[in-house]
Each structure stands twice: as structure tokens, then as C-alpha cells.
Amino acid sequence: TVLFDCDRFLRTHVIEAPDGYADLAAYNGALSKHV
């Protein structure tokens, strides 16, 4: 667990929508369409 140390090395967060998008859902829609 010194190597597989999820508490220290595994990070999660929800991003904020970049400027120019109404909200995160709109940005995610643009990303999905692009992919």
C-alpha cells in the first residue's frame, strides 16, 4: 500500500465548465459530439 496508495495518489474532482459554455452539461455535450 506504500505503492498502491489511493488516499495520497488517487484524486477525483468535478470540473467547471470552460468559458463560452452555458454549463457543464453543454460542454459535455460538445465533447461527446466531437468524440
PDB file of all heavy atoms in Angstrom:
ATOM      1  N   THR A   1       0.810  -1.221   0.000  1.00  0.00           N
ATOM      2  CA  THR A   1       0.000   0.000   0.000  1.00  0.00           C
ATOM      3  C   THR A   1       0.842   1.269   0.000  1.00  0.00           C
ATOM      4  O   THR A   1       0.315   2.363  -0.239  1.00  0.00           O
ATOM      5  CB  THR A   1      -0.955   0.017   1.210  1.00  0.00           C
ATOM      6  OG1 THR A   1      -0.212  -0.166   2.417  1.00  0.00           O
ATOM      7  CG2 THR A   1      -1.994  -1.086   1.096  1.00  0.00           C
ATOM      8  N   VAL A   2       2.129   1.157   0.267  1.00  0.00           N
ATOM      9  CA  VAL A   2       3.006   2.319   0.085  1.00  0.00           C
ATOM     10  C   VAL A   2       3.032   2.701  -1.391  1.00  0.00           C
ATOM     11  O   VAL A   2       3.073   3.882  -1.748  1.00  0.00           O
ATOM     12  CB  VAL A   2       4.427   2.014   0.592  1.00  0.00           C
ATOM     13  CG1 VAL A   2       5.402   3.129   0.191  1.00  0.00           C
ATOM     14  CG2 VAL A   2       4.425   1.839   2.104  1.00  0.00           C
ATOM     15  N   LEU A   3       2.998   1.697  -2.265  1.00  0.00           N
ATOM     16  CA  LEU A   3       2.946   1.943  -3.704  1.00  0.00           C
ATOM     17  C   LEU A   3       1.511   2.193  -4.165  1.00  0.00           C
ATOM     18  O   LEU A   3       1.225   3.182  -4.839  1.00  0.00           O
ATOM     19  CB  LEU A   3       3.542   0.749  -4.459  1.00  0.00           C
ATOM     20  CG  LEU A   3       5.031   0.509  -4.271  1.00  0.00           C
ATOM     21  CD1 LEU A   3       5.451  -0.783  -4.952  1.00  0.00           C
ATOM     22  CD2 LEU A   3       5.833   1.679  -4.835  1.00  0.00           C
ATOM     23  N   PHE A   4       0.608   1.279  -3.799  1.00  0.00           N
ATOM     24  CA  PHE A   4      -0.793   1.421  -4.189  1.00  0.00           C
ATOM     25  C   PHE A   4      -1.519   2.235  -3.117  1.00  0.00           C
ATOM     26  O   PHE A   4      -2.351   1.741  -2.379  1.00  0.00           O
ATOM     27  CB  PHE A   4      -1.424   0.047  -4.378  1.00  0.00           C
ATOM     28  CG  PHE A   4      -2.845   0.083  -4.891  1.00  0.00           C
ATOM     29  CD1 PHE A   4      -3.138   0.663  -6.115  1.00  0.00           C
ATOM     30  CD2 PHE A   4      -3.875  -0.454  -4.144  1.00  0.00           C
ATOM     31  CE1 PHE A   4      -4.441   0.707  -6.584  1.00  0.00           C
ATOM     32  CE2 PHE A   4      -5.182  -0.432  -4.616  1.00  0.00           C
ATOM     33  CZ  PHE A   4      -5.471   0.158  -5.829  1.00  0.00           C
ATOM     34  N   ASP A   5      -1.162   3.509  -3.047  1.00  0.00           N
ATOM     35  CA  ASP A   5      -1.670   4.403  -2.009  1.00  0.00           C
ATOM     36  C   ASP A   5      -2.761   5.285  -2.604  1.00  0.00           C
ATOM     37  O   ASP A   5      -2.495   6.388  -3.106  1.00  0.00           O
ATOM     38  CB  ASP A   5      -0.519   5.246  -1.456  1.00  0.00           C
ATOM     39  CG  ASP A   5      -0.901   5.988  -0.178  1.00  0.00           C
ATOM     40  OD1 ASP A   5      -2.107   6.219   0.031  1.00  0.00           O
ATOM     41  OD2 ASP A   5       0.005   6.343   0.590  1.00  0.00           O
ATOM     42  N   CYS A   6      -3.985   4.795  -2.536  1.00  0.00           N
ATOM     43  CA  CYS A   6      -5.094   5.526  -3.155  1.00  0.00           C
ATOM     44  C   CYS A   6      -5.411   6.811  -2.401  1.00  0.00           C
ATOM     45  O   CYS A   6      -5.852   7.799  -3.008  1.00  0.00           O
ATOM     46  CB  CYS A   6      -6.328   4.631  -3.217  1.00  0.00           C
ATOM     47  SG  CYS A   6      -6.127   3.213  -4.326  1.00  0.00           S
ATOM     48  N   ASP A   7      -5.206   6.810  -1.086  1.00  0.00           N
ATOM     49  CA  ASP A   7      -5.516   8.010  -0.307  1.00  0.00           C
ATOM     50  C   ASP A   7      -4.657   9.189  -0.742  1.00  0.00           C
ATOM     51  O   ASP A   7      -5.125  10.334  -0.771  1.00  0.00           O
ATOM     52  CB  ASP A   7      -5.303   7.739   1.188  1.00  0.00           C
ATOM     53  CG  ASP A   7      -6.339   6.797   1.765  1.00  0.00           C
ATOM     54  OD1 ASP A   7      -7.422   6.672   1.164  1.00  0.00           O
ATOM     55  OD2 ASP A   7      -6.064   6.183   2.812  1.00  0.00           O
ATOM     56  N   ARG A   8      -3.407   8.934  -1.082  1.00  0.00           N
ATOM     57  CA  ARG A   8      -2.500  10.027  -1.441  1.00  0.00           C
ATOM     58  C   ARG A   8      -2.445  10.301  -2.936  1.00  0.00           C
ATOM     59  O   ARG A   8      -2.272  11.453  -3.354  1.00  0.00           O
ATOM     60  CB  ARG A   8      -1.085   9.714  -0.943  1.00  0.00           C
ATOM     61  CG  ARG A   8      -0.934   9.752   0.554  1.00  0.00           C
ATOM     62  CD  ARG A   8       0.491  10.102   0.963  1.00  0.00           C
ATOM     63  NE  ARG A   8       1.468   9.116   0.520  1.00  0.00           N
ATOM     64  CZ  ARG A   8       2.780   9.280   0.643  1.00  0.00           C
ATOM     65  NH1 ARG A   8       3.264  10.397   1.166  1.00  0.00           N
ATOM     66  NH2 ARG A   8       3.620   8.340   0.253  1.00  0.00           N
ATOM     67  N   PHE A   9      -2.583   9.257  -3.749  1.00  0.00           N
ATOM     68  CA  PHE A   9      -2.255   9.409  -5.168  1.00  0.00           C
ATOM     69  C   PHE A   9      -3.451   9.315  -6.113  1.00  0.00           C
ATOM     70  O   PHE A   9      -3.305   9.628  -7.299  1.00  0.00           O
ATOM     71  CB  PHE A   9      -1.226   8.354  -5.569  1.00  0.00           C
ATOM     72  CG  PHE A   9       0.056   8.410  -4.792  1.00  0.00           C
ATOM     73  CD1 PHE A   9       0.740   7.252  -4.472  1.00  0.00           C
ATOM     74  CD2 PHE A   9       0.577   9.619  -4.371  1.00  0.00           C
ATOM     75  CE1 PHE A   9       1.933   7.300  -3.755  1.00  0.00           C
ATOM     76  CE2 PHE A   9       1.759   9.685  -3.647  1.00  0.00           C
ATOM     77  CZ  PHE A   9       2.442   8.517  -3.345  1.00  0.00           C
ATOM     78  N   LEU A  10      -4.599   8.906  -5.634  1.00  0.00           N
ATOM     79  CA  LEU A  10      -5.792   8.819  -6.476  1.00  0.00           C
ATOM     80  C   LEU A  10      -6.690  10.009  -6.157  1.00  0.00           C
ATOM     81  O   LEU A  10      -7.155  10.157  -5.032  1.00  0.00           O
ATOM     82  CB  LEU A  10      -6.516   7.496  -6.206  1.00  0.00           C
ATOM     83  CG  LEU A  10      -7.769   7.187  -7.025  1.00  0.00           C
ATOM     84  CD1 LEU A  10      -7.453   7.110  -8.513  1.00  0.00           C
ATOM     85  CD2 LEU A  10      -8.397   5.881  -6.545  1.00  0.00           C
ATOM     86  N   ARG A  11      -6.908  10.858  -7.140  1.00  0.00           N
ATOM     87  CA  ARG A  11      -7.666  12.097  -6.916  1.00  0.00           C
ATOM     88  C   ARG A  11      -8.859  12.181  -7.869  1.00  0.00           C
ATOM     89  O   ARG A  11      -8.751  11.832  -9.049  1.00  0.00           O
ATOM     90  CB  ARG A  11      -6.775  13.311  -7.147  1.00  0.00           C
ATOM     91  CG  ARG A  11      -5.472  13.301  -6.358  1.00  0.00           C
ATOM     92  CD  ARG A  11      -5.614  13.939  -4.999  1.00  0.00           C
ATOM     93  NE  ARG A  11      -4.346  13.848  -4.271  1.00  0.00           N
ATOM     94  CZ  ARG A  11      -3.340  14.701  -4.432  1.00  0.00           C
ATOM     95  NH1 ARG A  11      -3.452  15.694  -5.304  1.00  0.00           N
ATOM     96  NH2 ARG A  11      -2.233  14.563  -3.728  1.00  0.00           N
ATOM     97  N   THR A  12      -9.975  12.675  -7.354  1.00  0.00           N
ATOM     98  CA  THR A  12     -11.170  12.874  -8.180  1.00  0.00           C
ATOM     99  C   THR A  12     -11.727  14.275  -7.930  1.00  0.00           C
ATOM    100  O   THR A  12     -11.637  14.797  -6.817  1.00  0.00           O
ATOM    101  CB  THR A  12     -12.260  11.834  -7.866  1.00  0.00           C
ATOM    102  OG1 THR A  12     -12.719  12.011  -6.512  1.00  0.00           O
ATOM    103  CG2 THR A  12     -11.725  10.415  -8.035  1.00  0.00           C
ATOM    104  N   HIS A  13     -12.285  14.854  -8.993  1.00  0.00           N
ATOM    105  CA  HIS A  13     -12.991  16.117  -8.835  1.00  0.00           C
ATOM    106  C   HIS A  13     -13.886  16.330 -10.053  1.00  0.00           C
ATOM    107  O   HIS A  13     -13.642  15.766 -11.120  1.00  0.00           O
ATOM    108  CB  HIS A  13     -12.025  17.290  -8.674  1.00  0.00           C
ATOM    109  CG  HIS A  13     -11.275  17.646  -9.914  1.00  0.00           C
ATOM    110  ND1 HIS A  13     -10.182  16.921 -10.363  1.00  0.00           N
ATOM    111  CD2 HIS A  13     -11.452  18.647 -10.819  1.00  0.00           C
ATOM    112  CE1 HIS A  13      -9.720  17.456 -11.473  1.00  0.00           C
ATOM    113  NE2 HIS A  13     -10.471  18.508 -11.777  1.00  0.00           N
ATOM    114  N   VAL A  14     -14.915  17.117  -9.879  1.00  0.00           N
ATOM    115  CA  VAL A  14     -15.796  17.506 -10.982  1.00  0.00           C
ATOM    116  C   VAL A  14     -15.300  18.842 -11.519  1.00  0.00           C
ATOM    117  O   VAL A  14     -15.083  19.787 -10.753  1.00  0.00           O
ATOM    118  CB  VAL A  14     -17.261  17.612 -10.521  1.00  0.00           C
ATOM    119  CG1 VAL A  14     -18.137  18.140 -11.657  1.00  0.00           C
ATOM    120  CG2 VAL A  14     -17.765  16.259 -10.047  1.00  0.00           C
ATOM    121  N   ILE A  15     -15.094  18.920 -12.827  1.00  0.00           N
ATOM    122  CA  ILE A  15     -14.542  20.142 -13.420  1.00  0.00           C
ATOM    123  C   ILE A  15     -15.620  21.216 -13.528  1.00  0.00           C
ATOM    124  O   ILE A  15     -16.821  20.943 -13.401  1.00  0.00           O
ATOM    125  CB  ILE A  15     -13.924  19.875 -14.806  1.00  0.00           C
ATOM    126  CG1 ILE A  15     -15.034  19.642 -15.854  1.00  0.00           C
ATOM    127  CG2 ILE A  15     -12.959  18.698 -14.770  1.00  0.00           C
ATOM    128  CD1 ILE A  15     -14.528  19.739 -17.290  1.00  0.00           C
ATOM    129  N   GLU A  16     -15.179  22.425 -13.766  1.00  0.00           N
ATOM    130  CA  GLU A  16     -16.089  23.522 -14.057  1.00  0.00           C
ATOM    131  C   GLU A  16     -16.156  23.729 -15.570  1.00  0.00           C
ATOM    132  O   GLU A  16     -15.176  23.502 -16.286  1.00  0.00           O
ATOM    133  CB  GLU A  16     -15.614  24.805 -13.383  1.00  0.00           C
ATOM    134  CG  GLU A  16     -15.635  24.735 -11.867  1.00  0.00           C
ATOM    135  CD  GLU A  16     -15.229  26.050 -11.229  1.00  0.00           C
ATOM    136  OE1 GLU A  16     -14.946  27.017 -11.979  1.00  0.00           O
ATOM    137  OE2 GLU A  16     -15.190  26.110  -9.991  1.00  0.00           O
ATOM    138  N   ALA A  17     -17.300  24.160 -16.048  1.00  0.00           N
ATOM    139  CA  ALA A  17     -17.457  24.404 -17.482  1.00  0.00           C
ATOM    140  C   ALA A  17     -16.532  25.527 -17.932  1.00  0.00           C
ATOM    141  O   ALA A  17     -16.441  26.568 -17.269  1.00  0.00           O
ATOM    142  CB  ALA A  17     -18.899  24.761 -17.804  1.00  0.00           C
ATOM    143  N   PRO A  18     -15.825  25.338 -19.036  1.00  0.00           N
ATOM    144  CA  PRO A  18     -14.971  26.425 -19.553  1.00  0.00           C
ATOM    145  C   PRO A  18     -15.818  27.619 -19.992  1.00  0.00           C
ATOM    146  O   PRO A  18     -17.032  27.501 -20.234  1.00  0.00           O
ATOM    147  CB  PRO A  18     -14.270  25.774 -20.757  1.00  0.00           C
ATOM    148  CG  PRO A  18     -14.415  24.306 -20.561  1.00  0.00           C
ATOM    149  CD  PRO A  18     -15.708  24.118 -19.847  1.00  0.00           C
ATOM    150  N   ASP A  19     -15.178  28.760 -20.093  1.00  0.00           N
ATOM    151  CA  ASP A  19     -15.870  29.954 -20.587  1.00  0.00           C
ATOM    152  C   ASP A  19     -16.431  29.689 -21.987  1.00  0.00           C
ATOM    153  O   ASP A  19     -15.806  29.009 -22.807  1.00  0.00           O
ATOM    154  CB  ASP A  19     -14.911  31.145 -20.648  1.00  0.00           C
ATOM    155  CG  ASP A  19     -14.480  31.600 -19.263  1.00  0.00           C
ATOM    156  OD1 ASP A  19     -15.162  31.263 -18.282  1.00  0.00           O
ATOM    157  OD2 ASP A  19     -13.433  32.284 -19.179  1.00  0.00           O
ATOM    158  N   GLY A  20     -17.605  30.234 -22.229  1.00  0.00           N
ATOM    159  CA  GLY A  20     -18.230  30.092 -23.539  1.00  0.00           C
ATOM    160  C   GLY A  20     -19.291  29.021 -23.592  1.00  0.00           C
ATOM    161  O   GLY A  20     -19.981  28.873 -24.621  1.00  0.00           O
ATOM    162  N   TYR A  21     -19.466  28.268 -22.495  1.00  0.00           N
ATOM    163  CA  TYR A  21     -20.495  27.222 -22.443  1.00  0.00           C
ATOM    164  C   TYR A  21     -21.491  27.578 -21.343  1.00  0.00           C
ATOM    165  O   TYR A  21     -21.117  28.067 -20.268  1.00  0.00           O
ATOM    166  CB  TYR A  21     -19.874  25.859 -22.162  1.00  0.00           C
ATOM    167  CG  TYR A  21     -18.995  25.380 -23.290  1.00  0.00           C
ATOM    168  CD1 TYR A  21     -17.634  25.692 -23.305  1.00  0.00           C
ATOM    169  CD2 TYR A  21     -19.513  24.636 -24.339  1.00  0.00           C
ATOM    170  CE1 TYR A  21     -16.812  25.274 -24.341  1.00  0.00           C
ATOM    171  CE2 TYR A  21     -18.702  24.202 -25.379  1.00  0.00           C
ATOM    172  CZ  TYR A  21     -17.354  24.529 -25.379  1.00  0.00           C
ATOM    173  OH  TYR A  21     -16.553  24.114 -26.408  1.00  0.00           O
ATOM    174  N   ALA A  22     -22.761  27.332 -21.602  1.00  0.00           N
ATOM    175  CA  ALA A  22     -23.805  27.706 -20.658  1.00  0.00           C
ATOM    176  C   ALA A  22     -23.616  27.004 -19.320  1.00  0.00           C
ATOM    177  O   ALA A  22     -23.826  27.598 -18.257  1.00  0.00           O
ATOM    178  CB  ALA A  22     -25.179  27.375 -21.239  1.00  0.00           C
ATOM    179  N   ASP A  23     -23.220  25.732 -19.371  1.00  0.00           N
ATOM    180  CA  ASP A  23     -22.996  24.967 -18.152  1.00  0.00           C
ATOM    181  C   ASP A  23     -22.175  23.728 -18.499  1.00  0.00           C
ATOM    182  O   ASP A  23     -21.788  23.528 -19.668  1.00  0.00           O
ATOM    183  CB  ASP A  23     -24.328  24.574 -17.487  1.00  0.00           C
ATOM    184  CG  ASP A  23     -25.303  23.897 -18.440  1.00  0.00           C
ATOM    185  OD1 ASP A  23     -24.841  23.272 -19.435  1.00  0.00           O
ATOM    186  OD2 ASP A  23     -26.515  23.982 -18.211  1.00  0.00           O
ATOM    187  N   LEU A  24     -21.916  22.900 -17.503  1.00  0.00           N
ATOM    188  CA  LEU A  24     -21.094  21.714 -17.729  1.00  0.00           C
ATOM    189  C   LEU A  24     -21.785  20.728 -18.661  1.00  0.00           C
ATOM    190  O   LEU A  24     -21.123  20.070 -19.473  1.00  0.00           O
ATOM    191  CB  LEU A  24     -20.768  21.049 -16.389  1.00  0.00           C
ATOM    192  CG  LEU A  24     -19.790  19.870 -16.443  1.00  0.00           C
ATOM    193  CD1 LEU A  24     -18.474  20.263 -17.096  1.00  0.00           C
ATOM    194  CD2 LEU A  24     -19.547  19.326 -15.030  1.00  0.00           C
ATOM    195  N   ALA A  25     -23.101  20.644 -18.581  1.00  0.00           N
ATOM    196  CA  ALA A  25     -23.824  19.737 -19.471  1.00  0.00           C
ATOM    197  C   ALA A  25     -23.623  20.135 -20.930  1.00  0.00           C
ATOM    198  O   ALA A  25     -23.463  19.275 -21.805  1.00  0.00           O
ATOM    199  CB  ALA A  25     -25.312  19.725 -19.110  1.00  0.00           C
ATOM    200  N   ALA A  26     -23.618  21.422 -21.198  1.00  0.00           N
ATOM    201  CA  ALA A  26     -23.413  21.896 -22.572  1.00  0.00           C
ATOM    202  C   ALA A  26     -22.009  21.556 -23.054  1.00  0.00           C
ATOM    203  O   ALA A  26     -21.815  21.143 -24.208  1.00  0.00           O
ATOM    204  CB  ALA A  26     -23.654  23.402 -22.646  1.00  0.00           C
ATOM    205  N   TYR A  27     -21.034  21.717 -22.171  1.00  0.00           N
ATOM    206  CA  TYR A  27     -19.662  21.388 -22.553  1.00  0.00           C
ATOM    207  C   TYR A  27     -19.505  19.891 -22.766  1.00  0.00           C
ATOM    208  O   TYR A  27     -18.881  19.453 -23.748  1.00  0.00           O
ATOM    209  CB  TYR A  27     -18.689  21.881 -21.494  1.00  0.00           C
ATOM    210  CG  TYR A  27     -17.243  21.578 -21.847  1.00  0.00           C
ATOM    211  CD1 TYR A  27     -16.691  22.056 -23.028  1.00  0.00           C
ATOM    212  CD2 TYR A  27     -16.442  20.800 -21.012  1.00  0.00           C
ATOM    213  CE1 TYR A  27     -15.376  21.777 -23.376  1.00  0.00           C
ATOM    214  CE2 TYR A  27     -15.126  20.525 -21.342  1.00  0.00           C
ATOM    215  CZ  TYR A  27     -14.600  21.004 -22.534  1.00  0.00           C
ATOM    216  OH  TYR A  27     -13.310  20.722 -22.884  1.00  0.00           O
ATOM    217  N   ASN A  28     -20.076  19.093 -21.882  1.00  0.00           N
ATOM    218  CA  ASN A  28     -20.002  17.646 -22.057  1.00  0.00           C
ATOM    219  C   ASN A  28     -20.684  17.206 -23.354  1.00  0.00           C
ATOM    220  O   ASN A  28     -20.233  16.264 -24.013  1.00  0.00           O
ATOM    221  CB  ASN A  28     -20.646  16.938 -20.864  1.00  0.00           C
ATOM    222  CG  ASN A  28     -19.760  16.937 -19.641  1.00  0.00           C
ATOM    223  OD1 ASN A  28     -18.543  17.033 -19.744  1.00  0.00           O
ATOM    224  ND2 ASN A  28     -20.374  16.837 -18.464  1.00  0.00           N
ATOM    225  N   GLY A  29     -21.756  17.882 -23.711  1.00  0.00           N
ATOM    226  CA  GLY A  29     -22.420  17.576 -24.974  1.00  0.00           C
ATOM    227  C   GLY A  29     -21.515  17.847 -26.164  1.00  0.00           C
ATOM    228  O   GLY A  29     -21.468  17.068 -27.121  1.00  0.00           O
ATOM    229  N   ALA A  30     -20.783  18.961 -26.105  1.00  0.00           N
ATOM    230  CA  ALA A  30     -19.860  19.300 -27.196  1.00  0.00           C
ATOM    231  C   ALA A  30     -18.718  18.284 -27.273  1.00  0.00           C
ATOM    232  O   ALA A  30     -18.319  17.867 -28.370  1.00  0.00           O
ATOM    233  CB  ALA A  30     -19.314  20.710 -26.983  1.00  0.00           C
ATOM    234  N   LEU A  31     -18.193  17.871 -26.114  1.00  0.00           N
ATOM    235  CA  LEU A  31     -17.130  16.863 -26.100  1.00  0.00           C
ATOM    236  C   LEU A  31     -17.630  15.531 -26.678  1.00  0.00           C
ATOM    237  O   LEU A  31     -16.948  14.894 -27.487  1.00  0.00           O
ATOM    238  CB  LEU A  31     -16.625  16.645 -24.668  1.00  0.00           C
ATOM    239  CG  LEU A  31     -15.725  17.713 -24.066  1.00  0.00           C
ATOM    240  CD1 LEU A  31     -15.458  17.396 -22.600  1.00  0.00           C
ATOM    241  CD2 LEU A  31     -14.404  17.821 -24.828  1.00  0.00           C
ATOM    242  N   SER A  32     -18.812  15.117 -26.254  1.00  0.00           N
ATOM    243  CA  SER A  32     -19.359  13.840 -26.722  1.00  0.00           C
ATOM    244  C   SER A  32     -19.578  13.853 -28.225  1.00  0.00           C
ATOM    245  O   SER A  32     -19.254  12.887 -28.928  1.00  0.00           O
ATOM    246  CB  SER A  32     -20.682  13.541 -25.996  1.00  0.00           C
ATOM    247  OG  SER A  32     -20.475  13.424 -24.605  1.00  0.00           O
ATOM    248  N   LYS A  33     -20.110  14.948 -28.728  1.00  0.00           N
ATOM    249  CA  LYS A  33     -20.332  15.072 -30.175  1.00  0.00           C
ATOM    250  C   LYS A  33     -19.009  15.015 -30.923  1.00  0.00           C
ATOM    251  O   LYS A  33     -18.896  14.358 -31.975  1.00  0.00           O
ATOM    252  CB  LYS A  33     -21.062  16.380 -30.475  1.00  0.00           C
ATOM    253  CG  LYS A  33     -21.379  16.580 -31.951  1.00  0.00           C
ATOM    254  CD  LYS A  33     -22.141  17.883 -32.177  1.00  0.00           C
ATOM    255  CE  LYS A  33     -22.443  18.092 -33.659  1.00  0.00           C
ATOM    256  NZ  LYS A  33     -23.179  19.377 -33.875  1.00  0.00           N
ATOM    257  N   HIS A  34     -17.989  15.666 -30.378  1.00  0.00           N
ATOM    258  CA  HIS A  34     -16.672  15.680 -31.012  1.00  0.00           C
ATOM    259  C   HIS A  34     -16.085  14.273 -31.060  1.00  0.00           C
ATOM    260  O   HIS A  34     -15.537  13.853 -32.093  1.00  0.00           O
ATOM    261  CB  HIS A  34     -15.744  16.622 -30.239  1.00  0.00           C
ATOM    262  CG  HIS A  34     -14.399  16.805 -30.869  1.00  0.00           C
ATOM    263  ND1 HIS A  34     -14.189  17.593 -31.986  1.00  0.00           N
ATOM    264  CD2 HIS A  34     -13.178  16.282 -30.551  1.00  0.00           C
ATOM    265  CE1 HIS A  34     -12.909  17.563 -32.316  1.00  0.00           C
ATOM    266  NE2 HIS A  34     -12.269  16.774 -31.460  1.00  0.00           N
ATOM    267  N   VAL A  35     -16.199  13.542 -29.956  1.00  0.00           N
ATOM    268  CA  VAL A  35     -15.657  12.177 -29.898  1.00  0.00           C
ATOM    269  C   VAL A  35     -16.386  11.260 -30.863  1.00  0.00           C
ATOM    270  O   VAL A  35     -15.771  10.516 -31.641  1.00  0.00           O
ATOM    271  CB  VAL A  35     -15.743  11.630 -28.455  1.00  0.00           C
ATOM    272  CG1 VAL A  35     -15.462  10.124 -28.436  1.00  0.00           C
ATOM    273  CG2 VAL A  35     -14.766  12.357 -27.546  1.00  0.00           C
TER     274      VAL A  35
END
